[in-house]
C-alpha atoms as a PDB file:
ATOM      1  CA  MET A   1     -14.233  12.323 -11.807  1.00  0.00           C
ATOM      2  CA  ASN A   2     -11.507   9.867 -12.695  1.00  0.00           C
ATOM      3  CA  PHE A   3      -8.915   7.944 -10.744  1.00  0.00           C
ATOM      4  CA  VAL A   4      -5.665   6.377 -11.852  1.00  0.00           C
ATOM      5  CA  VAL A   5      -4.624   2.844 -10.893  1.00  0.00           C
ATOM      6  CA  ALA A   6      -1.060   1.542 -10.898  1.00  0.00           C
ATOM      7  CA  GLY A   7      -1.927  -1.205 -13.347  1.00  0.00           C
ATOM      8  CA  THR A   8      -4.660  -3.738 -12.909  1.00  0.00           C
ATOM      9  CA  GLN A   9      -4.657  -6.872 -10.756  1.00  0.00           C
ATOM     10  CA  ASN A  10      -3.183  -5.091  -7.750  1.00  0.00           C
ATOM     11  CA  LEU A  11      -4.459  -3.217  -4.702  1.00  0.00           C
ATOM     12  CA  THR A  12      -4.721   0.149  -6.454  1.00  0.00           C
ATOM     13  CA  GLN A  13      -7.597  -1.194  -8.560  1.00  0.00           C
ATOM     14  CA  PRO A  14     -10.121  -2.790  -6.121  1.00  0.00           C
ATOM     15  CA  ALA A  15      -9.492  -0.431  -3.173  1.00  0.00           C
ATOM     16  CA  PRO A  16     -10.694   2.783  -4.849  1.00  0.00           C
ATOM     17  CA  ALA A  17     -13.448   0.950  -6.739  1.00  0.00           C
ATOM     18  CA  LEU A  18     -14.812  -0.374  -3.435  1.00  0.00           C
ATOM     19  CA  LEU A  19     -14.380   2.997  -1.723  1.00  0.00           C
ATOM     20  CA  PHE A  20     -16.185   4.938  -4.461  1.00  0.00           C
ATOM     21  CA  ALA A  21     -18.967   2.339  -4.717  1.00  0.00           C
ATOM     22  CA  ARG A  22     -19.585   2.513  -0.950  1.00  0.00           C
ATOM     23  CA  ALA A  23     -19.510   6.310  -1.031  1.00  0.00           C
ATOM     24  CA  GLY A  24     -21.825   6.464  -4.065  1.00  0.00           C
ATOM     25  CA  ILE A  25     -19.281   8.377  -6.164  1.00  0.00           C
ATOM     26  CA  ASP A  26     -19.380   7.845  -9.943  1.00  0.00           C
ATOM     27  CA  THR A  27     -15.837   7.576 -11.300  1.00  0.00           C
ATOM     28  CA  VAL A  28     -13.878   6.398 -14.331  1.00  0.00           C
ATOM     29  CA  MET A  29     -10.775   4.233 -13.880  1.00  0.00           C
ATOM     30  CA  ILE A  30      -7.647   5.238 -15.818  1.00  0.00           C
ATOM     31  CA  PRO A  31      -4.995   2.477 -15.831  1.00  0.00           C
ATOM     32  CA  ALA A  32      -1.307   3.420 -15.598  1.00  0.00           C
ATOM     33  CA  ASN A  33       1.725   1.202 -16.177  1.00  0.00           C
ATOM     34  CA  GLY A  34       2.677   1.228 -12.503  1.00  0.00           C
ATOM     35  CA  GLY A  35       3.071   3.334  -9.385  1.00  0.00           C
ATOM     36  CA  PRO A  36       5.609   5.831 -10.737  1.00  0.00           C
ATOM     37  CA  GLN A  37       3.381   6.681 -13.733  1.00  0.00           C
ATOM     38  CA  ALA A  38       0.304   6.930 -11.480  1.00  0.00           C
ATOM     39  CA  VAL A  39       2.120   9.322  -9.124  1.00  0.00           C
ATOM     40  CA  SER A  40       3.334  11.324 -12.130  1.00  0.00           C
ATOM     41  CA  ASP A  41      -0.218  11.491 -13.497  1.00  0.00           C
ATOM     42  CA  ILE A  42      -1.633  12.788 -10.202  1.00  0.00           C
ATOM     43  CA  THR A  43       1.163  15.304  -9.534  1.00  0.00           C
ATOM     44  CA  ALA A  44       0.879  16.609 -13.118  1.00  0.00           C
ATOM     45  CA  GLY A  45      -2.882  17.030 -12.761  1.00  0.00           C
ATOM     46  CA  ARG A  46      -3.743  14.590 -15.572  1.00  0.00           C
ATOM     47  CA  VAL A  47      -6.087  12.645 -13.254  1.00  0.00           C
ATOM     48  CA  ASP A  48      -8.330  13.590 -10.345  1.00  0.00           C
ATOM     49  CA  MET A  49      -7.424  10.930  -7.759  1.00  0.00           C
ATOM     50  CA  TYR A  50      -5.005   8.134  -6.934  1.00  0.00           C
ATOM     51  CA  PHE A  51      -5.363   5.527  -4.185  1.00  0.00           C
ATOM     52  CA  GLY A  52      -1.747   4.367  -3.939  1.00  0.00           C
ATOM     53  CA  ASN A  53       0.648   2.783  -1.507  1.00  0.00           C
ATOM     54  CA  SER A  54       1.853   4.909   1.373  1.00  0.00           C
ATOM     55  CA  SER A  55       5.479   4.287   0.406  1.00  0.00           C
ATOM     56  CA  GLU A  56       4.760   5.963  -2.965  1.00  0.00           C
ATOM     57  CA  LEU A  57       2.753   8.863  -1.607  1.00  0.00           C
ATOM     58  CA  LEU A  58       4.212   9.836   1.785  1.00  0.00           C
ATOM     59  CA  PRO A  59       7.289  11.395   0.123  1.00  0.00           C
ATOM     60  CA  HIS A  60       4.800  13.878  -1.384  1.00  0.00           C
ATOM     61  CA  VAL A  61       3.125  14.816   1.923  1.00  0.00           C
ATOM     62  CA  ASN A  62       4.598  18.338   1.739  1.00  0.00           C
ATOM     63  CA  ASP A  63       4.375  18.596  -2.059  1.00  0.00           C
ATOM     64  CA  ASP A  64       2.355  21.567  -3.301  1.00  0.00           C
ATOM     65  CA  THR A  65       1.025  19.686  -6.353  1.00  0.00           C
ATOM     66  CA  ILE A  66      -1.117  17.098  -4.532  1.00  0.00           C
ATOM     67  CA  ARG A  67      -2.899  16.750  -1.214  1.00  0.00           C
ATOM     68  CA  LEU A  68      -3.108  13.506   0.717  1.00  0.00           C
ATOM     69  CA  LEU A  69      -6.729  13.247   1.843  1.00  0.00           C
ATOM     70  CA  ALA A  70      -6.973   9.956   3.713  1.00  0.00           C
ATOM     71  CA  VAL A  71      -5.290   6.622   4.306  1.00  0.00           C
ATOM     72  CA  GLY A  72      -6.844   3.196   3.821  1.00  0.00           C
ATOM     73  CA  ALA A  73      -5.747   2.035   7.267  1.00  0.00           C
ATOM     74  CA  ALA A  74      -4.500   4.065  10.216  1.00  0.00           C
ATOM     75  CA  ILE A  75      -0.697   4.138  10.220  1.00  0.00           C
ATOM     76  CA  VAL A  76       1.766   5.667  12.647  1.00  0.00           C
ATOM     77  CA  ALA A  77       3.517   7.727   9.961  1.00  0.00           C
ATOM     78  CA  THR A  78       0.401   9.784   9.200  1.00  0.00           C
ATOM     79  CA  PRO A  79      -1.459  10.627  12.411  1.00  0.00           C
ATOM     80  CA  GLU A  80      -2.463  13.990  10.899  1.00  0.00           C
ATOM     81  CA  ILE A  81      -4.115  12.348   7.880  1.00  0.00           C
ATOM     82  CA  PRO A  82      -7.489  10.746   8.681  1.00  0.00           C
ATOM     83  CA  SER A  83      -8.302   7.167   7.762  1.00  0.00           C
ATOM     84  CA  VAL A  84     -11.142   6.510   5.334  1.00  0.00           C
ATOM     85  CA  SER A  85     -12.958   4.623   8.110  1.00  0.00           C
ATOM     86  CA  GLU A  86     -13.456   7.934   9.937  1.00  0.00           C
ATOM     87  CA  THR A  87     -15.878   8.876   7.131  1.00  0.00           C
ATOM     88  CA  LEU A  88     -16.971   5.409   5.972  1.00  0.00           C
ATOM     89  CA  PRO A  89     -17.046   3.200   9.100  1.00  0.00           C
ATOM     90  CA  GLY A  90     -15.705  -0.275   8.500  1.00  0.00           C
ATOM     91  CA  PHE A  91     -13.674   0.633   5.405  1.00  0.00           C
ATOM     92  CA  GLU A  92     -10.076  -0.486   5.673  1.00  0.00           C
ATOM     93  CA  PHE A  93      -7.702  -1.429   2.905  1.00  0.00           C
ATOM     94  CA  SER A  94      -3.993  -2.062   3.143  1.00  0.00           C
ATOM     95  CA  SER A  95      -1.369  -3.878   1.150  1.00  0.00           C
ATOM     96  CA  TRP A  96       0.710  -6.839   2.168  1.00  0.00           C
ATOM     97  CA  ASN A  97       4.260  -7.636   1.115  1.00  0.00           C
ATOM     98  CA  GLY A  98       5.876 -11.038   1.146  1.00  0.00           C
ATOM     99  CA  PHE A  99       8.758 -13.085  -0.174  1.00  0.00           C
ATOM    100  CA  LEU A 100       8.109 -16.149  -2.307  1.00  0.00           C
ATOM    101  CA  VAL A 101      10.407 -18.905  -3.533  1.00  0.00           C
ATOM    102  CA  PRO A 102       9.953 -21.402  -6.357  1.00  0.00           C
ATOM    103  CA  VAL A 103       8.191 -24.683  -5.635  1.00  0.00           C
ATOM    104  CA  GLY A 104      10.772 -27.311  -4.790  1.00  0.00           C
ATOM    105  CA  THR A 105      13.102 -24.976  -2.887  1.00  0.00           C
ATOM    106  CA  PRO A 106      14.656 -27.124  -0.119  1.00  0.00           C
ATOM    107  CA  GLU A 107      13.145 -26.540   3.334  1.00  0.00           C
ATOM    108  CA  PRO A 108      16.497 -25.627   4.985  1.00  0.00           C
ATOM    109  CA  ILE A 109      16.969 -22.836   2.440  1.00  0.00           C
ATOM    110  CA  ILE A 110      13.399 -21.578   2.983  1.00  0.00           C
ATOM    111  CA  ALA A 111      13.967 -21.590   6.756  1.00  0.00           C
ATOM    112  CA  ALA A 112      17.298 -19.740   6.447  1.00  0.00           C
ATOM    113  CA  ILE A 113      15.817 -17.089   4.150  1.00  0.00           C
ATOM    114  CA  GLY A 114      12.868 -16.664   6.523  1.00  0.00           C
ATOM    115  CA  ARG A 115      15.128 -16.200   9.554  1.00  0.00           C
ATOM    116  CA  GLU A 116      17.279 -13.618   7.785  1.00  0.00           C
ATOM    117  CA  ILE A 117      14.340 -11.630   6.434  1.00  0.00           C
ATOM    118  CA  THR A 118      12.600 -11.641   9.836  1.00  0.00           C
ATOM    119  CA  ALA A 119      15.787 -10.502  11.579  1.00  0.00           C
ATOM    120  CA  LEU A 120      16.272  -7.736   9.021  1.00  0.00           C
ATOM    121  CA  ALA A 121      12.622  -6.609   9.220  1.00  0.00           C
ATOM    122  CA  LYS A 122      12.898  -6.339  13.010  1.00  0.00           C
ATOM    123  CA  SER A 123      16.207  -4.439  13.067  1.00  0.00           C
ATOM    124  CA  PRO A 124      15.816  -0.903  14.485  1.00  0.00           C
ATOM    125  CA  GLU A 125      17.098   0.775  11.321  1.00  0.00           C
ATOM    126  CA  ILE A 126      14.669  -1.054   9.050  1.00  0.00           C
ATOM    127  CA  VAL A 127      11.745  -0.635  11.469  1.00  0.00           C
ATOM    128  CA  GLU A 128      12.374   3.126  11.509  1.00  0.00           C
ATOM    129  CA  ARG A 129      12.687   3.344   7.723  1.00  0.00           C
ATOM    130  CA  LEU A 130       9.592   1.238   7.027  1.00  0.00           C
ATOM    131  CA  THR A 131       7.546   3.169   9.585  1.00  0.00           C
ATOM    132  CA  LYS A 132       8.476   6.483   7.940  1.00  0.00           C
ATOM    133  CA  LEU A 133       7.245   5.041   4.639  1.00  0.00           C
ATOM    134  CA  GLY A 134       3.922   4.113   6.215  1.00  0.00           C
ATOM    135  CA  ILE A 135       4.736   0.410   6.163  1.00  0.00           C
ATOM    136  CA  ILE A 136       3.961  -1.508   9.334  1.00  0.00           C
ATOM    137  CA  PRO A 137       7.007  -3.696   9.972  1.00  0.00           C
ATOM    138  CA  GLY A 138       6.237  -7.260  10.796  1.00  0.00           C
ATOM    139  CA  GLY A 139       7.260 -10.718   9.944  1.00  0.00           C
ATOM    140  CA  LEU A 140       5.038 -13.733   9.619  1.00  0.00           C
ATOM    141  CA  THR A 141       6.052 -17.343   9.849  1.00  0.00           C
ATOM    142  CA  ARG A 142       5.671 -19.486   6.776  1.00  0.00           C
ATOM    143  CA  GLU A 143       2.486 -20.987   8.217  1.00  0.00           C
ATOM    144  CA  GLU A 144       1.044 -17.514   8.973  1.00  0.00           C
ATOM    145  CA  SER A 145       1.900 -16.350   5.446  1.00  0.00           C
ATOM    146  CA  GLU A 146       0.244 -19.401   3.925  1.00  0.00           C
ATOM    147  CA  ALA A 147      -2.885 -18.700   6.002  1.00  0.00           C
ATOM    148  CA  VAL A 148      -2.962 -15.105   4.702  1.00  0.00           C
ATOM    149  CA  LEU A 149      -2.611 -16.267   1.107  1.00  0.00           C
END
């Protein structure tokens, strides 16, 4: 069996490799140039599997060309789709999004950008939209983000 990744050096590469290694499944990785090509490859039947971001795949939940089998972490938008950890206890993989600025950006500008992004991410309209895409809305402080990185 093969699986497509949306390029290398991103979550779509180590997540399925770890999953298949833990499950004892022998696979071949097929690199794509990004998420859109990976989704196109899976919907066209050129590859067997894709472990992609929920925001790329949830629009295809009712598509008759692919079937969503599991999610890397339980999310509100997909209660009907099991998480991988239901089959492989302890397995959880999810992506993280953040905003970065160049080194040397003045602190008042960083603080203002952070406040605006946090306010936007917590607005009801954005929370609803992100949740439907399978993205857990949040907002970390600069210090929390640095700890994650």
